[in-house]
Amino acid sequence: MLTVSQLFIYPIKSLGGLALDTAEVTDRGLKYDRRWMLIDDNNRFLSQREFAQMALLSVSIEAAGLRVTYLKDGSSIGIPFIPQTNTDIPVTVWDDTCTGTLVCPDIDKWFTNVLGMNARLVYMADVSRREVDPRYAHEQQITSFADAYPFLLIGQASLDELNTRLQSPIRMDRFRPNIVFSGGEPFEEDVMPHIRIGDIDFYGVKRCARCVMITIDQQSAAKHPEPLKVLAKYRAQNNKIYFGQNLLHKGTGNISVGDVLEVVAKPAAIL
């Protein structure tokens, strides 16, 4: 039997993740997941890919909003759920442009000081709609400031198998999934075009191509060659390295750790 073993959200894109026991599935992913994002002077998203120190900013949820803590010195700042400005601007995530609302100039100053570079925080309001690539989404599904899809699914068995090939085992947080499941075979998520958790249907639409971000230790921000070197030996196809499955979904509600993950359909070969 396959069961949900971990749930994660990343409220501010490319900052630390947050483990949950129960998560609410919304129209564009898990509630709060990547609804905030740091941008540069060109309104383009900031990422650990270029700025590994972003891993040292941990995020928690409080009654009035988020709290971001800089792990190096323990300083922190509160971020209200409702932006303190009404200023909407076009922001860029890879090849997509959508609308973000500037949150607060004082919060921008804090991030700029901590990161040592100009940074502004934006929020994706409900009226801002960013559609998933129509080559994979056939019902005009939307997503947040995530790279491309509302959910990322990884099987614990896949990480366990990878760790048998590494000199030093790594944690699941390197891969920044939303849903982790236990049971089954390594990389079984590759061949899950339709799964169900509770009353919500999820559809595996594209295996996740990985980049240098998985080489960043999420506790120290240190960079390592692995696991990309090892993964390249057996998880590469068409010059890309795959680990995890991107999901779209139909339905809203809650999912929890311990829920059964039902495989509704399974193809004969890897997508």
C-alpha atoms as a PDB file:
ATOM      1  CA  MET A   1       0.000   0.000   0.000  1.00  0.00           C
ATOM      2  CA  LEU A   2       1.222   3.484  -0.874  1.00  0.00           C
ATOM      3  CA  THR A   3       0.713   6.194   1.727  1.00  0.00           C
ATOM      4  CA  VAL A   4       1.504   9.899   2.000  1.00  0.00           C
ATOM      5  CA  SER A   5       4.535  10.126   4.281  1.00  0.00           C
ATOM      6  CA  GLN A   6       5.440  13.833   4.057  1.00  0.00           C
ATOM      7  CA  LEU A   7       3.866  17.085   2.888  1.00  0.00           C
ATOM      8  CA  PHE A   8       5.800  20.275   2.217  1.00  0.00           C
ATOM      9  CA  ILE A   9       5.085  23.846   1.208  1.00  0.00           C
ATOM     10  CA  TYR A  10       7.523  26.597   0.285  1.00  0.00           C
ATOM     11  CA  PRO A  11       5.599  29.819   0.975  1.00  0.00           C
ATOM     12  CA  ILE A  12       8.317  32.069  -0.469  1.00  0.00           C
ATOM     13  CA  LYS A  13       9.799  30.708  -3.670  1.00  0.00           C
ATOM     14  CA  SER A  14      13.352  29.357  -3.215  1.00  0.00           C
ATOM     15  CA  LEU A  15      13.401  29.900   0.555  1.00  0.00           C
ATOM     16  CA  GLY A  16      13.194  27.159   3.173  1.00  0.00           C
ATOM     17  CA  GLY A  17      10.359  24.649   3.127  1.00  0.00           C
ATOM     18  CA  LEU A  18       7.801  23.844   5.794  1.00  0.00           C
ATOM     19  CA  ALA A  19       6.611  20.341   6.687  1.00  0.00           C
ATOM     20  CA  LEU A  20       2.882  19.904   7.387  1.00  0.00           C
ATOM     21  CA  ASP A  21       0.734  17.106   8.770  1.00  0.00           C
ATOM     22  CA  THR A  22      -2.297  18.309   6.795  1.00  0.00           C
ATOM     23  CA  ALA A  23      -2.338  20.584   3.766  1.00  0.00           C
ATOM     24  CA  GLU A  24      -5.174  22.292   1.933  1.00  0.00           C
ATOM     25  CA  VAL A  25      -5.320  21.731  -1.822  1.00  0.00           C
ATOM     26  CA  THR A  26      -6.392  24.926  -3.629  1.00  0.00           C
ATOM     27  CA  ASP A  27      -6.928  25.774  -7.278  1.00  0.00           C
ATOM     28  CA  ARG A  28      -3.197  26.453  -7.804  1.00  0.00           C
ATOM     29  CA  GLY A  29      -1.515  24.010  -5.429  1.00  0.00           C
ATOM     30  CA  LEU A  30      -1.182  23.615  -1.674  1.00  0.00           C
ATOM     31  CA  LYS A  31      -2.325  26.625   0.347  1.00  0.00           C
ATOM     32  CA  TYR A  32       0.442  29.215   0.780  1.00  0.00           C
ATOM     33  CA  ASP A  33       2.829  27.272  -1.473  1.00  0.00           C
ATOM     34  CA  ARG A  34       4.971  29.745  -3.412  1.00  0.00           C
ATOM     35  CA  ARG A  35       2.425  32.532  -3.158  1.00  0.00           C
ATOM     36  CA  TRP A  36       5.275  34.920  -2.321  1.00  0.00           C
ATOM     37  CA  MET A  37       8.448  35.498  -4.323  1.00  0.00           C
ATOM     38  CA  LEU A  38      11.575  37.628  -4.182  1.00  0.00           C
ATOM     39  CA  ILE A  39      12.415  39.558  -7.352  1.00  0.00           C
ATOM     40  CA  ASP A  40      15.369  41.586  -8.607  1.00  0.00           C
ATOM     41  CA  ASP A  41      15.484  45.059 -10.161  1.00  0.00           C
ATOM     42  CA  ASN A  42      14.187  43.596 -13.429  1.00  0.00           C
ATOM     43  CA  ASN A  43      11.159  42.015 -11.720  1.00  0.00           C
ATOM     44  CA  ARG A  44      12.629  38.544 -12.335  1.00  0.00           C
ATOM     45  CA  PHE A  45      12.458  35.856  -9.664  1.00  0.00           C
ATOM     46  CA  LEU A  46      15.448  35.219  -7.393  1.00  0.00           C
ATOM     47  CA  SER A  47      16.522  31.617  -6.914  1.00  0.00           C
ATOM     48  CA  GLN A  48      18.943  29.460  -4.956  1.00  0.00           C
ATOM     49  CA  ARG A  49      20.300  28.447  -8.352  1.00  0.00           C
ATOM     50  CA  GLU A  50      22.178  31.747  -8.434  1.00  0.00           C
ATOM     51  CA  PHE A  51      22.039  32.712  -4.758  1.00  0.00           C
ATOM     52  CA  ALA A  52      22.537  29.649  -2.554  1.00  0.00           C
ATOM     53  CA  GLN A  53      22.336  31.748   0.626  1.00  0.00           C
ATOM     54  CA  MET A  54      18.554  31.913   0.161  1.00  0.00           C
ATOM     55  CA  ALA A  55      18.478  28.390   1.664  1.00  0.00           C
ATOM     56  CA  LEU A  56      19.413  29.959   5.010  1.00  0.00           C
ATOM     57  CA  LEU A  57      16.103  31.828   5.207  1.00  0.00           C
ATOM     58  CA  SER A  58      13.617  29.583   6.998  1.00  0.00           C
ATOM     59  CA  VAL A  59       9.879  30.231   6.894  1.00  0.00           C
ATOM     60  CA  SER A  60       7.161  29.550   9.454  1.00  0.00           C
ATOM     61  CA  ILE A  61       3.458  30.401   9.563  1.00  0.00           C
ATOM     62  CA  GLU A  62       1.997  32.481  12.387  1.00  0.00           C
ATOM     63  CA  ALA A  63      -1.502  33.766  13.076  1.00  0.00           C
ATOM     64  CA  ALA A  64      -1.021  37.030  11.179  1.00  0.00           C
ATOM     65  CA  GLY A  65       1.297  35.862   8.418  1.00  0.00           C
ATOM     66  CA  LEU A  66       4.686  34.381   7.720  1.00  0.00           C
ATOM     67  CA  ARG A  67       7.872  34.733   9.711  1.00  0.00           C
ATOM     68  CA  VAL A  68      11.207  34.519   7.956  1.00  0.00           C
ATOM     69  CA  THR A  69      14.316  33.811  10.029  1.00  0.00           C
ATOM     70  CA  TYR A  70      17.892  34.195   8.844  1.00  0.00           C
ATOM     71  CA  LEU A  71      19.642  31.124  10.212  1.00  0.00           C
ATOM     72  CA  LYS A  72      23.077  32.760  10.315  1.00  0.00           C
ATOM     73  CA  ASP A  73      22.239  35.321  12.986  1.00  0.00           C
ATOM     74  CA  GLY A  74      18.703  34.487  14.143  1.00  0.00           C
ATOM     75  CA  SER A  75      17.209  37.774  12.946  1.00  0.00           C
ATOM     76  CA  SER A  76      13.668  37.571  11.635  1.00  0.00           C
ATOM     77  CA  ILE A  77      10.847  39.561  10.111  1.00  0.00           C
ATOM     78  CA  GLY A  78       7.082  39.132   9.983  1.00  0.00           C
ATOM     79  CA  ILE A  79       5.267  39.189   6.663  1.00  0.00           C
ATOM     80  CA  PRO A  80       1.514  39.880   6.765  1.00  0.00           C
ATOM     81  CA  PHE A  81      -0.842  37.700   4.765  1.00  0.00           C
ATOM     82  CA  ILE A  82      -2.276  40.861   3.186  1.00  0.00           C
ATOM     83  CA  PRO A  83       0.243  43.063   1.302  1.00  0.00           C
ATOM     84  CA  GLN A  84       0.740  46.561   2.679  1.00  0.00           C
ATOM     85  CA  THR A  85       0.657  48.141  -0.782  1.00  0.00           C
ATOM     86  CA  ASN A  86      -1.796  48.136  -3.680  1.00  0.00           C
ATOM     87  CA  THR A  87       0.984  48.195  -6.256  1.00  0.00           C
ATOM     88  CA  ASP A  88       0.697  45.452  -8.846  1.00  0.00           C
ATOM     89  CA  ILE A  89       3.610  44.844 -11.217  1.00  0.00           C
ATOM     90  CA  PRO A  90       4.419  42.301 -13.934  1.00  0.00           C
ATOM     91  CA  VAL A  91       6.870  39.686 -12.638  1.00  0.00           C
ATOM     92  CA  THR A  92       8.760  36.980 -14.486  1.00  0.00           C
ATOM     93  CA  VAL A  93       9.135  33.290 -13.622  1.00  0.00           C
ATOM     94  CA  TRP A  94      11.220  31.659 -16.330  1.00  0.00           C
ATOM     95  CA  ASP A  95       9.299  32.374 -19.570  1.00  0.00           C
ATOM     96  CA  ASP A  96       6.057  33.356 -17.845  1.00  0.00           C
ATOM     97  CA  THR A  97       4.932  36.834 -16.916  1.00  0.00           C
ATOM     98  CA  CYS A  98       2.167  37.279 -14.364  1.00  0.00           C
ATOM     99  CA  THR A  99       1.046  39.832 -11.792  1.00  0.00           C
ATOM    100  CA  GLY A 100       2.562  40.221  -8.354  1.00  0.00           C
ATOM    101  CA  THR A 101       1.665  42.690  -5.606  1.00  0.00           C
ATOM    102  CA  LEU A 102       4.508  44.465  -3.825  1.00  0.00           C
ATOM    103  CA  VAL A 103       4.255  43.601  -0.125  1.00  0.00           C
ATOM    104  CA  CYS A 104       6.082  46.291   1.881  1.00  0.00           C
ATOM    105  CA  PRO A 105       9.143  48.549   1.367  1.00  0.00           C
ATOM    106  CA  ASP A 106      10.463  47.848   4.881  1.00  0.00           C
ATOM    107  CA  ILE A 107      10.331  44.109   4.235  1.00  0.00           C
ATOM    108  CA  ASP A 108      12.222  44.685   0.977  1.00  0.00           C
ATOM    109  CA  LYS A 109      14.952  46.492   2.924  1.00  0.00           C
ATOM    110  CA  TRP A 110      15.292  43.572   5.329  1.00  0.00           C
ATOM    111  CA  PHE A 111      15.730  41.025   2.539  1.00  0.00           C
ATOM    112  CA  THR A 112      18.130  43.337   0.684  1.00  0.00           C
ATOM    113  CA  ASN A 113      20.284  43.685   3.795  1.00  0.00           C
ATOM    114  CA  VAL A 114      20.297  39.978   4.634  1.00  0.00           C
ATOM    115  CA  LEU A 115      21.011  38.781   1.093  1.00  0.00           C
ATOM    116  CA  GLY A 116      23.415  41.566   0.175  1.00  0.00           C
ATOM    117  CA  MET A 117      21.578  42.362  -3.051  1.00  0.00           C
ATOM    118  CA  ASN A 118      18.500  44.274  -4.116  1.00  0.00           C
ATOM    119  CA  ALA A 119      15.410  42.192  -3.420  1.00  0.00           C
ATOM    120  CA  ARG A 120      11.707  42.943  -3.318  1.00  0.00           C
ATOM    121  CA  LEU A 121       8.923  40.680  -2.099  1.00  0.00           C
ATOM    122  CA  VAL A 122       5.752  40.192  -4.130  1.00  0.00           C
ATOM    123  CA  TYR A 123       2.563  38.261  -3.431  1.00  0.00           C
ATOM    124  CA  MET A 124       0.338  36.401  -5.891  1.00  0.00           C
ATOM    125  CA  ALA A 125      -3.233  37.503  -5.211  1.00  0.00           C
ATOM    126  CA  ASP A 126      -6.175  35.280  -6.094  1.00  0.00           C
ATOM    127  CA  VAL A 127      -6.960  37.464  -9.112  1.00  0.00           C
ATOM    128  CA  SER A 128      -3.522  36.791 -10.581  1.00  0.00           C
ATOM    129  CA  ARG A 129      -3.729  33.773 -12.864  1.00  0.00           C
ATOM    130  CA  ARG A 130      -0.690  31.986 -14.233  1.00  0.00           C
ATOM    131  CA  GLU A 131      -1.629  29.152 -16.538  1.00  0.00           C
ATOM    132  CA  VAL A 132       0.331  25.930 -16.807  1.00  0.00           C
ATOM    133  CA  ASP A 133       2.029  25.148 -20.125  1.00  0.00           C
ATOM    134  CA  PRO A 134      -0.880  24.193 -22.436  1.00  0.00           C
ATOM    135  CA  ARG A 135       1.157  21.317 -23.874  1.00  0.00           C
ATOM    136  CA  TYR A 136       0.574  19.529 -20.565  1.00  0.00           C
ATOM    137  CA  ALA A 137      -2.508  21.235 -19.132  1.00  0.00           C
ATOM    138  CA  HIS A 138      -5.704  20.733 -21.102  1.00  0.00           C
ATOM    139  CA  GLU A 139      -8.147  22.445 -18.766  1.00  0.00           C
ATOM    140  CA  GLN A 140      -6.312  25.778 -18.343  1.00  0.00           C
ATOM    141  CA  GLN A 141      -5.017  24.773 -14.918  1.00  0.00           C
ATOM    142  CA  ILE A 142      -3.147  27.457 -13.024  1.00  0.00           C
ATOM    143  CA  THR A 143      -0.175  27.445 -10.700  1.00  0.00           C
ATOM    144  CA  SER A 144       1.530  29.766  -8.240  1.00  0.00           C
ATOM    145  CA  PHE A 145       5.082  31.155  -8.490  1.00  0.00           C
ATOM    146  CA  ALA A 146       6.302  27.531  -8.647  1.00  0.00           C
ATOM    147  CA  ASP A 147       8.671  26.757 -11.506  1.00  0.00           C
ATOM    148  CA  ALA A 148       5.932  25.319 -13.704  1.00  0.00           C
ATOM    149  CA  TYR A 149       3.415  23.016 -11.982  1.00  0.00           C
ATOM    150  CA  PRO A 150       1.249  23.024  -8.840  1.00  0.00           C
ATOM    151  CA  PHE A 151       2.722  19.848  -7.279  1.00  0.00           C
ATOM    152  CA  LEU A 152       5.858  17.723  -7.232  1.00  0.00           C
ATOM    153  CA  LEU A 153       5.567  14.068  -6.178  1.00  0.00           C
ATOM    154  CA  ILE A 154       8.492  11.878  -5.064  1.00  0.00           C
ATOM    155  CA  GLY A 155       8.548   8.369  -3.634  1.00  0.00           C
ATOM    156  CA  GLN A 156      10.649   7.793  -0.528  1.00  0.00           C
ATOM    157  CA  ALA A 157      11.906   4.606  -2.181  1.00  0.00           C
ATOM    158  CA  SER A 158      13.457   6.717  -4.956  1.00  0.00           C
ATOM    159  CA  LEU A 159      15.541   8.719  -2.481  1.00  0.00           C
ATOM    160  CA  ASP A 160      16.459   5.568  -0.545  1.00  0.00           C
ATOM    161  CA  GLU A 161      17.703   3.957  -3.758  1.00  0.00           C
ATOM    162  CA  LEU A 162      19.692   7.057  -4.703  1.00  0.00           C
ATOM    163  CA  ASN A 163      21.302   7.166  -1.266  1.00  0.00           C
ATOM    164  CA  THR A 164      22.668   3.645  -1.748  1.00  0.00           C
ATOM    165  CA  ARG A 165      24.736   5.086  -4.621  1.00  0.00           C
ATOM    166  CA  LEU A 166      26.061   8.122  -2.731  1.00  0.00           C
ATOM    167  CA  GLN A 167      29.023   8.232  -0.349  1.00  0.00           C
ATOM    168  CA  SER A 168      27.056  10.579   1.914  1.00  0.00           C
ATOM    169  CA  PRO A 169      23.255  10.240   2.032  1.00  0.00           C
ATOM    170  CA  ILE A 170      21.173  13.331   1.373  1.00  0.00           C
ATOM    171  CA  ARG A 171      17.805  14.513   2.630  1.00  0.00           C
ATOM    172  CA  MET A 172      14.557  14.769   0.722  1.00  0.00           C
ATOM    173  CA  ASP A 173      14.595  18.561   1.101  1.00  0.00           C
ATOM    174  CA  ARG A 174      17.224  18.786  -1.661  1.00  0.00           C
ATOM    175  CA  PHE A 175      14.442  17.966  -4.144  1.00  0.00           C
ATOM    176  CA  ARG A 176      11.771  20.272  -2.687  1.00  0.00           C
ATOM    177  CA  PRO A 177       8.736  18.012  -3.224  1.00  0.00           C
ATOM    178  CA  ASN A 178       5.191  18.798  -2.128  1.00  0.00           C
ATOM    179  CA  ILE A 179       4.038  15.212  -1.665  1.00  0.00           C
ATOM    180  CA  VAL A 180       6.230  12.286  -0.586  1.00  0.00           C
ATOM    181  CA  PHE A 181       4.852   8.757  -0.397  1.00  0.00           C
ATOM    182  CA  SER A 182       6.118   5.558   1.167  1.00  0.00           C
ATOM    183  CA  GLY A 183       5.822   2.043  -0.229  1.00  0.00           C
ATOM    184  CA  GLY A 184       6.250   0.832  -3.774  1.00  0.00           C
ATOM    185  CA  GLU A 185       9.351   0.611  -5.912  1.00  0.00           C
ATOM    186  CA  PRO A 186      12.037   3.234  -6.586  1.00  0.00           C
ATOM    187  CA  PHE A 187      10.883   5.728  -9.225  1.00  0.00           C
ATOM    188  CA  GLU A 188       7.376   4.310  -9.316  1.00  0.00           C
ATOM    189  CA  GLU A 189       6.173   7.921  -9.482  1.00  0.00           C
ATOM    190  CA  ASP A 190       7.519   8.006 -13.059  1.00  0.00           C
ATOM    191  CA  VAL A 191       4.619   5.836 -14.181  1.00  0.00           C
ATOM    192  CA  MET A 192       1.689   7.355 -12.311  1.00  0.00           C
ATOM    193  CA  PRO A 193      -0.472   9.239 -14.812  1.00  0.00           C
ATOM    194  CA  HIS A 194      -3.459   9.255 -12.443  1.00  0.00           C
ATOM    195  CA  ILE A 195      -3.495   8.921  -8.660  1.00  0.00           C
ATOM    196  CA  ARG A 196      -6.045   9.761  -6.006  1.00  0.00           C
ATOM    197  CA  ILE A 197      -5.561  10.965  -2.447  1.00  0.00           C
ATOM    198  CA  GLY A 198      -8.843  11.166  -0.573  1.00  0.00           C
ATOM    199  CA  ASP A 199     -11.351  12.760  -2.931  1.00  0.00           C
ATOM    200  CA  ILE A 200      -8.771  14.620  -5.003  1.00  0.00           C
ATOM    201  CA  ASP A 201      -7.429  13.384  -8.332  1.00  0.00           C
ATOM    202  CA  PHE A 202      -3.839  14.096  -9.351  1.00  0.00           C
ATOM    203  CA  TYR A 203      -2.333  13.590 -12.785  1.00  0.00           C
ATOM    204  CA  GLY A 204       1.331  12.949 -13.500  1.00  0.00           C
ATOM    205  CA  VAL A 205       2.034  15.065 -16.573  1.00  0.00           C
ATOM    206  CA  LYS A 206       5.795  15.489 -16.800  1.00  0.00           C
ATOM    207  CA  ARG A 207       8.806  14.073 -15.023  1.00  0.00           C
ATOM    208  CA  CYS A 208      10.774  16.777 -13.235  1.00  0.00           C
ATOM    209  CA  ALA A 209      14.064  17.759 -14.858  1.00  0.00           C
ATOM    210  CA  ARG A 210      16.571  18.676 -12.162  1.00  0.00           C
ATOM    211  CA  CYS A 211      19.161  21.447 -12.025  1.00  0.00           C
ATOM    212  CA  VAL A 212      22.061  22.526  -9.816  1.00  0.00           C
ATOM    213  CA  MET A 213      19.653  23.459  -7.032  1.00  0.00           C
ATOM    214  CA  ILE A 214      19.644  19.854  -5.815  1.00  0.00           C
ATOM    215  CA  THR A 215      23.383  20.183  -5.116  1.00  0.00           C
ATOM    216  CA  ILE A 216      22.717  22.812  -2.396  1.00  0.00           C
ATOM    217  CA  ASP A 217      22.602  21.608   1.204  1.00  0.00           C
ATOM    218  CA  GLN A 218      19.410  23.145   2.574  1.00  0.00           C
ATOM    219  CA  GLN A 219      20.814  23.389   6.116  1.00  0.00           C
ATOM    220  CA  SER A 220      24.155  25.048   5.320  1.00  0.00           C
ATOM    221  CA  ALA A 221      23.779  26.437   1.762  1.00  0.00           C
ATOM    222  CA  ALA A 222      27.000  24.580   0.871  1.00  0.00           C
ATOM    223  CA  LYS A 223      27.269  23.302  -2.702  1.00  0.00           C
ATOM    224  CA  HIS A 224      28.314  19.761  -3.623  1.00  0.00           C
ATOM    225  CA  PRO A 225      28.727  17.942  -6.963  1.00  0.00           C
ATOM    226  CA  GLU A 226      26.231  15.328  -5.830  1.00  0.00           C
ATOM    227  CA  PRO A 227      23.659  14.079  -6.380  1.00  0.00           C
ATOM    228  CA  LEU A 228      23.743  15.379  -9.964  1.00  0.00           C
ATOM    229  CA  LYS A 229      26.853  13.379 -10.936  1.00  0.00           C
ATOM    230  CA  VAL A 230      25.398  10.072  -9.773  1.00  0.00           C
ATOM    231  CA  LEU A 231      21.923  10.782 -11.134  1.00  0.00           C
ATOM    232  CA  ALA A 232      23.431  11.591 -14.509  1.00  0.00           C
ATOM    233  CA  LYS A 233      24.668   8.000 -14.751  1.00  0.00           C
ATOM    234  CA  TYR A 234      21.222   6.408 -14.619  1.00  0.00           C
ATOM    235  CA  ARG A 235      18.478   9.051 -14.589  1.00  0.00           C
ATOM    236  CA  ALA A 236      19.433  11.024 -17.699  1.00  0.00           C
ATOM    237  CA  GLN A 237      17.398  11.163 -20.875  1.00  0.00           C
ATOM    238  CA  ASN A 238      17.580  13.647 -23.762  1.00  0.00           C
ATOM    239  CA  ASN A 239      20.303  15.597 -21.928  1.00  0.00           C
ATOM    240  CA  LYS A 240      18.121  16.091 -18.845  1.00  0.00           C
ATOM    241  CA  ILE A 241      18.254  14.455 -15.415  1.00  0.00           C
ATOM    242  CA  TYR A 242      14.922  13.406 -13.933  1.00  0.00           C
ATOM    243  CA  PHE A 243      13.832  12.932 -10.339  1.00  0.00           C
ATOM    244  CA  GLY A 244      10.181  13.255  -9.318  1.00  0.00           C
ATOM    245  CA  GLN A 245       6.902  13.737 -11.158  1.00  0.00           C
ATOM    246  CA  ASN A 246       5.062  17.013 -11.764  1.00  0.00           C
ATOM    247  CA  LEU A 247       1.342  16.832 -11.039  1.00  0.00           C
ATOM    248  CA  LEU A 248      -1.822  18.633 -12.039  1.00  0.00           C
ATOM    249  CA  HIS A 249      -5.031  18.041 -10.118  1.00  0.00           C
ATOM    250  CA  LYS A 250      -8.785  18.167 -10.075  1.00  0.00           C
ATOM    251  CA  GLY A 251     -10.643  19.047  -6.890  1.00  0.00           C
ATOM    252  CA  THR A 252      -9.915  20.864  -3.643  1.00  0.00           C
ATOM    253  CA  GLY A 253      -9.867  19.873   0.016  1.00  0.00           C
ATOM    254  CA  ASN A 254      -7.390  18.543   2.551  1.00  0.00           C
ATOM    255  CA  ILE A 255      -4.773  15.816   2.271  1.00  0.00           C
ATOM    256  CA  SER A 256      -2.818  14.479   5.238  1.00  0.00           C
ATOM    257  CA  VAL A 257       0.205  12.424   6.141  1.00  0.00           C
ATOM    258  CA  GLY A 258      -1.020   8.848   6.416  1.00  0.00           C
ATOM    259  CA  ASP A 259      -3.565   9.117   3.609  1.00  0.00           C
ATOM    260  CA  VAL A 260      -3.650   6.278   1.132  1.00  0.00           C
ATOM    261  CA  LEU A 261      -2.270   7.109  -2.311  1.00  0.00           C
ATOM    262  CA  GLU A 262      -4.307   5.145  -4.832  1.00  0.00           C
ATOM    263  CA  VAL A 263      -2.891   4.507  -8.283  1.00  0.00           C
ATOM    264  CA  VAL A 264      -5.924   4.849 -10.564  1.00  0.00           C
ATOM    265  CA  ALA A 265      -4.051   4.293 -13.831  1.00  0.00           C
ATOM    266  CA  LYS A 266      -0.580   3.098 -14.665  1.00  0.00           C
ATOM    267  CA  PRO A 267       0.945   2.851 -18.161  1.00  0.00           C
ATOM    268  CA  ALA A 268       3.092   0.029 -19.393  1.00  0.00           C
ATOM    269  CA  ALA A 269       6.179   2.228 -19.906  1.00  0.00           C
ATOM    270  CA  ILE A 270       7.779   5.332 -18.469  1.00  0.00           C
ATOM    271  CA  LEU A 271       6.273   8.513 -19.876  1.00  0.00           C
END
